[in-house]
């Protein structure tokens, strides 16, 4: 599986959730128990996102069926 770049994934996720930047997204969700996560597989045509645990790295994608969901906190290197 080819994986999308972390910075690109974070930017897509921020856009999907209505934020101007990944930093704005991270600041808003800094103390939450669930945070936005995105499928990082290049094979996932839907760029699927949902809210998952902050430490999610390799969660199941309900769109493409791969273990490729990564939270914004992991993408940003916070966790």
N, C-alpha and C. Protein backbone atom coordinates (compact mmCIF):
# COMPACT_ATOMS: atom_id res chain seq x y z
N UNK A 1 0.84 -1.18 0.00
CA UNK A 1 0.00 0.00 0.00
C UNK A 1 0.89 1.24 0.00
N UNK A 2 0.62 2.14 -0.91
CA UNK A 2 1.32 3.42 -0.92
C UNK A 2 0.56 4.38 -0.03
N UNK A 3 1.33 5.16 0.73
CA UNK A 3 0.73 6.05 1.71
C UNK A 3 0.94 7.51 1.33
N UNK A 4 -0.08 8.31 1.53
CA UNK A 4 -0.02 9.75 1.27
C UNK A 4 0.90 10.41 2.30
N UNK A 5 1.60 11.44 1.90
CA UNK A 5 2.48 12.23 2.75
C UNK A 5 1.70 12.76 3.96
N UNK A 6 2.31 12.76 5.14
CA UNK A 6 1.63 13.22 6.37
C UNK A 6 1.17 14.67 6.28
N UNK A 7 2.01 15.55 5.74
CA UNK A 7 1.62 16.97 5.63
C UNK A 7 0.44 17.15 4.69
N UNK A 8 0.44 16.42 3.59
CA UNK A 8 -0.68 16.49 2.64
C UNK A 8 -1.95 15.95 3.29
N UNK A 9 -1.83 14.85 4.02
CA UNK A 9 -2.99 14.26 4.69
C UNK A 9 -3.55 15.21 5.74
N UNK A 10 -2.68 15.87 6.49
CA UNK A 10 -3.12 16.83 7.51
C UNK A 10 -3.83 18.02 6.87
N UNK A 11 -3.31 18.50 5.76
CA UNK A 11 -3.94 19.62 5.04
C UNK A 11 -5.32 19.23 4.52
N UNK A 12 -5.44 18.02 3.96
CA UNK A 12 -6.74 17.54 3.47
C UNK A 12 -7.74 17.42 4.62
N UNK A 13 -7.28 16.90 5.73
CA UNK A 13 -8.13 16.72 6.90
C UNK A 13 -8.60 18.07 7.44
N UNK A 14 -7.70 19.03 7.52
CA UNK A 14 -8.08 20.37 7.98
C UNK A 14 -9.13 20.96 7.06
N UNK A 15 -8.94 20.81 5.77
CA UNK A 15 -9.91 21.34 4.80
C UNK A 15 -11.28 20.67 4.96
N UNK A 16 -11.28 19.35 5.13
CA UNK A 16 -12.53 18.61 5.29
C UNK A 16 -13.30 19.05 6.53
N UNK A 17 -12.59 19.40 7.59
CA UNK A 17 -13.23 19.78 8.84
C UNK A 17 -13.41 21.30 8.97
N UNK A 18 -13.09 22.04 7.90
CA UNK A 18 -13.36 23.47 7.86
C UNK A 18 -12.32 24.37 8.51
N UNK A 19 -11.08 23.92 8.59
CA UNK A 19 -10.02 24.73 9.18
C UNK A 19 -9.08 25.23 8.08
N UNK A 20 -8.47 26.39 8.31
CA UNK A 20 -7.57 26.97 7.32
C UNK A 20 -6.23 26.26 7.25
N UNK A 21 -5.82 25.63 8.35
CA UNK A 21 -4.53 24.94 8.37
C UNK A 21 -4.58 23.76 9.33
N UNK A 22 -3.58 22.90 9.19
CA UNK A 22 -3.45 21.77 10.10
C UNK A 22 -3.21 22.22 11.53
N UNK A 23 -2.49 23.32 11.69
CA UNK A 23 -2.23 23.85 13.03
C UNK A 23 -3.52 24.28 13.71
N UNK A 24 -4.40 24.95 12.97
CA UNK A 24 -5.69 25.34 13.53
C UNK A 24 -6.48 24.12 13.99
N UNK A 25 -6.44 23.07 13.21
CA UNK A 25 -7.13 21.82 13.55
C UNK A 25 -6.55 21.22 14.83
N UNK A 26 -5.24 21.16 14.91
CA UNK A 26 -4.56 20.58 16.08
C UNK A 26 -4.88 21.38 17.34
N UNK A 27 -4.82 22.69 17.25
CA UNK A 27 -5.10 23.54 18.41
C UNK A 27 -6.53 23.32 18.90
N UNK A 28 -7.48 23.25 17.97
CA UNK A 28 -8.88 23.08 18.36
C UNK A 28 -9.11 21.73 19.06
N UNK A 29 -8.48 20.67 18.60
CA UNK A 29 -8.72 19.33 19.14
C UNK A 29 -7.68 18.88 20.17
N UNK A 30 -6.82 19.78 20.62
CA UNK A 30 -5.70 19.42 21.50
C UNK A 30 -6.09 18.63 22.75
N UNK A 31 -7.23 18.91 23.34
CA UNK A 31 -7.60 18.27 24.60
C UNK A 31 -8.83 17.36 24.47
N UNK A 32 -9.16 16.96 23.26
CA UNK A 32 -10.35 16.15 23.02
C UNK A 32 -10.03 14.65 23.11
N UNK A 33 -11.04 13.85 23.41
CA UNK A 33 -10.85 12.40 23.51
C UNK A 33 -10.99 11.70 22.16
N UNK A 34 -11.61 12.36 21.19
CA UNK A 34 -11.63 11.88 19.81
C UNK A 34 -11.26 13.06 18.91
N UNK A 35 -10.50 12.76 17.85
CA UNK A 35 -10.00 13.79 16.95
C UNK A 35 -10.20 13.34 15.50
N UNK A 36 -10.13 14.26 14.56
CA UNK A 36 -10.24 13.86 13.16
C UNK A 36 -9.09 12.94 12.73
N UNK A 37 -9.44 11.97 11.92
CA UNK A 37 -8.46 11.04 11.35
C UNK A 37 -8.81 10.85 9.88
N UNK A 38 -7.81 10.53 9.07
CA UNK A 38 -8.01 10.38 7.63
C UNK A 38 -7.31 9.13 7.13
N UNK A 39 -7.88 8.54 6.09
CA UNK A 39 -7.25 7.41 5.44
C UNK A 39 -6.06 7.92 4.64
N UNK A 40 -4.89 7.35 4.87
CA UNK A 40 -3.67 7.82 4.21
C UNK A 40 -3.31 6.97 2.99
N UNK A 41 -4.12 6.00 2.67
CA UNK A 41 -3.85 5.15 1.51
C UNK A 41 -4.13 5.90 0.21
N UNK A 42 -3.20 5.86 -0.72
CA UNK A 42 -3.42 6.48 -2.02
C UNK A 42 -4.47 5.73 -2.82
N UNK A 43 -4.75 4.48 -2.43
CA UNK A 43 -5.77 3.68 -3.10
C UNK A 43 -7.18 4.05 -2.66
N UNK A 44 -7.32 4.82 -1.59
CA UNK A 44 -8.63 5.20 -1.07
C UNK A 44 -9.11 6.43 -1.82
N UNK A 45 -9.97 6.23 -2.76
CA UNK A 45 -10.44 7.32 -3.62
C UNK A 45 -11.30 8.33 -2.87
N UNK A 46 -11.90 7.92 -1.77
CA UNK A 46 -12.81 8.80 -1.06
C UNK A 46 -12.16 9.75 -0.08
N UNK A 47 -10.85 9.63 0.15
CA UNK A 47 -10.17 10.42 1.19
C UNK A 47 -11.02 10.43 2.45
N UNK A 48 -11.40 9.24 2.89
CA UNK A 48 -12.32 9.02 4.00
C UNK A 48 -11.75 9.58 5.30
N UNK A 49 -12.60 10.25 6.07
CA UNK A 49 -12.20 10.75 7.38
C UNK A 49 -13.33 10.52 8.38
N UNK A 50 -12.94 10.43 9.63
CA UNK A 50 -13.87 10.30 10.75
C UNK A 50 -13.14 10.68 12.02
N UNK A 51 -13.82 10.71 13.14
CA UNK A 51 -13.18 11.02 14.41
C UNK A 51 -12.82 9.72 15.12
N UNK A 52 -11.55 9.62 15.53
CA UNK A 52 -11.03 8.44 16.22
C UNK A 52 -10.17 8.88 17.39
N UNK A 53 -9.56 7.93 18.08
CA UNK A 53 -8.70 8.23 19.22
C UNK A 53 -7.48 9.02 18.76
N UNK A 54 -6.97 9.91 19.61
CA UNK A 54 -5.82 10.74 19.23
C UNK A 54 -4.57 9.95 18.83
N UNK A 55 -4.37 8.75 19.38
CA UNK A 55 -3.17 7.96 19.07
C UNK A 55 -3.37 6.96 17.93
N UNK A 56 -4.45 7.10 17.17
CA UNK A 56 -4.75 6.17 16.09
C UNK A 56 -3.69 6.25 14.98
N UNK A 57 -3.08 5.13 14.70
CA UNK A 57 -2.09 5.02 13.62
C UNK A 57 -2.24 3.64 13.00
N UNK A 58 -2.99 3.55 11.94
CA UNK A 58 -3.24 2.26 11.30
C UNK A 58 -4.62 1.71 11.62
N UNK A 59 -5.58 2.58 11.88
CA UNK A 59 -6.95 2.16 12.14
C UNK A 59 -7.64 1.72 10.85
N UNK A 60 -8.74 1.00 10.99
CA UNK A 60 -9.47 0.45 9.85
C UNK A 60 -10.25 1.53 9.12
N UNK A 61 -10.10 1.59 7.80
CA UNK A 61 -10.84 2.54 6.97
C UNK A 61 -12.12 1.87 6.49
N UNK A 62 -13.25 2.46 6.84
CA UNK A 62 -14.54 1.91 6.43
C UNK A 62 -14.82 2.10 4.95
N UNK A 63 -14.05 2.92 4.26
CA UNK A 63 -14.27 3.18 2.84
C UNK A 63 -13.51 2.19 1.96
N UNK A 64 -12.20 2.02 2.22
CA UNK A 64 -11.39 1.15 1.36
C UNK A 64 -11.04 -0.19 2.00
N UNK A 65 -11.29 -0.34 3.31
CA UNK A 65 -11.06 -1.60 3.99
C UNK A 65 -9.62 -1.87 4.40
N UNK A 66 -8.76 -0.88 4.33
CA UNK A 66 -7.36 -1.06 4.73
C UNK A 66 -7.13 -0.49 6.13
N UNK A 67 -6.07 -0.91 6.73
CA UNK A 67 -5.68 -0.38 8.05
C UNK A 67 -4.79 0.84 7.83
N UNK A 68 -5.42 1.94 7.44
CA UNK A 68 -4.65 3.11 7.01
C UNK A 68 -5.17 4.43 7.57
N UNK A 69 -6.01 4.36 8.60
CA UNK A 69 -6.51 5.59 9.23
C UNK A 69 -5.47 6.12 10.22
N UNK A 70 -5.19 7.43 10.13
CA UNK A 70 -4.22 8.06 11.01
C UNK A 70 -4.83 9.36 11.54
N UNK A 71 -4.70 9.57 12.85
CA UNK A 71 -5.29 10.77 13.46
C UNK A 71 -4.46 12.01 13.14
N UNK A 72 -5.10 13.16 13.27
CA UNK A 72 -4.41 14.43 13.03
C UNK A 72 -3.25 14.62 14.00
N UNK A 73 -3.37 14.11 15.22
CA UNK A 73 -2.31 14.25 16.21
C UNK A 73 -1.06 13.47 15.82
N UNK A 74 -1.27 12.28 15.25
CA UNK A 74 -0.14 11.46 14.80
C UNK A 74 0.45 12.09 13.54
N UNK A 75 -0.39 12.55 12.62
CA UNK A 75 0.10 13.19 11.39
C UNK A 75 0.96 14.41 11.70
N UNK A 76 0.58 15.18 12.72
CA UNK A 76 1.30 16.39 13.09
C UNK A 76 2.52 16.09 13.97
N UNK A 77 2.68 14.86 14.40
CA UNK A 77 3.82 14.51 15.25
C UNK A 77 3.63 14.88 16.71
N UNK A 78 2.39 15.18 17.11
CA UNK A 78 2.12 15.52 18.51
C UNK A 78 2.19 14.27 19.36
N UNK A 79 1.74 13.16 18.81
CA UNK A 79 1.78 11.87 19.51
C UNK A 79 2.67 10.93 18.73
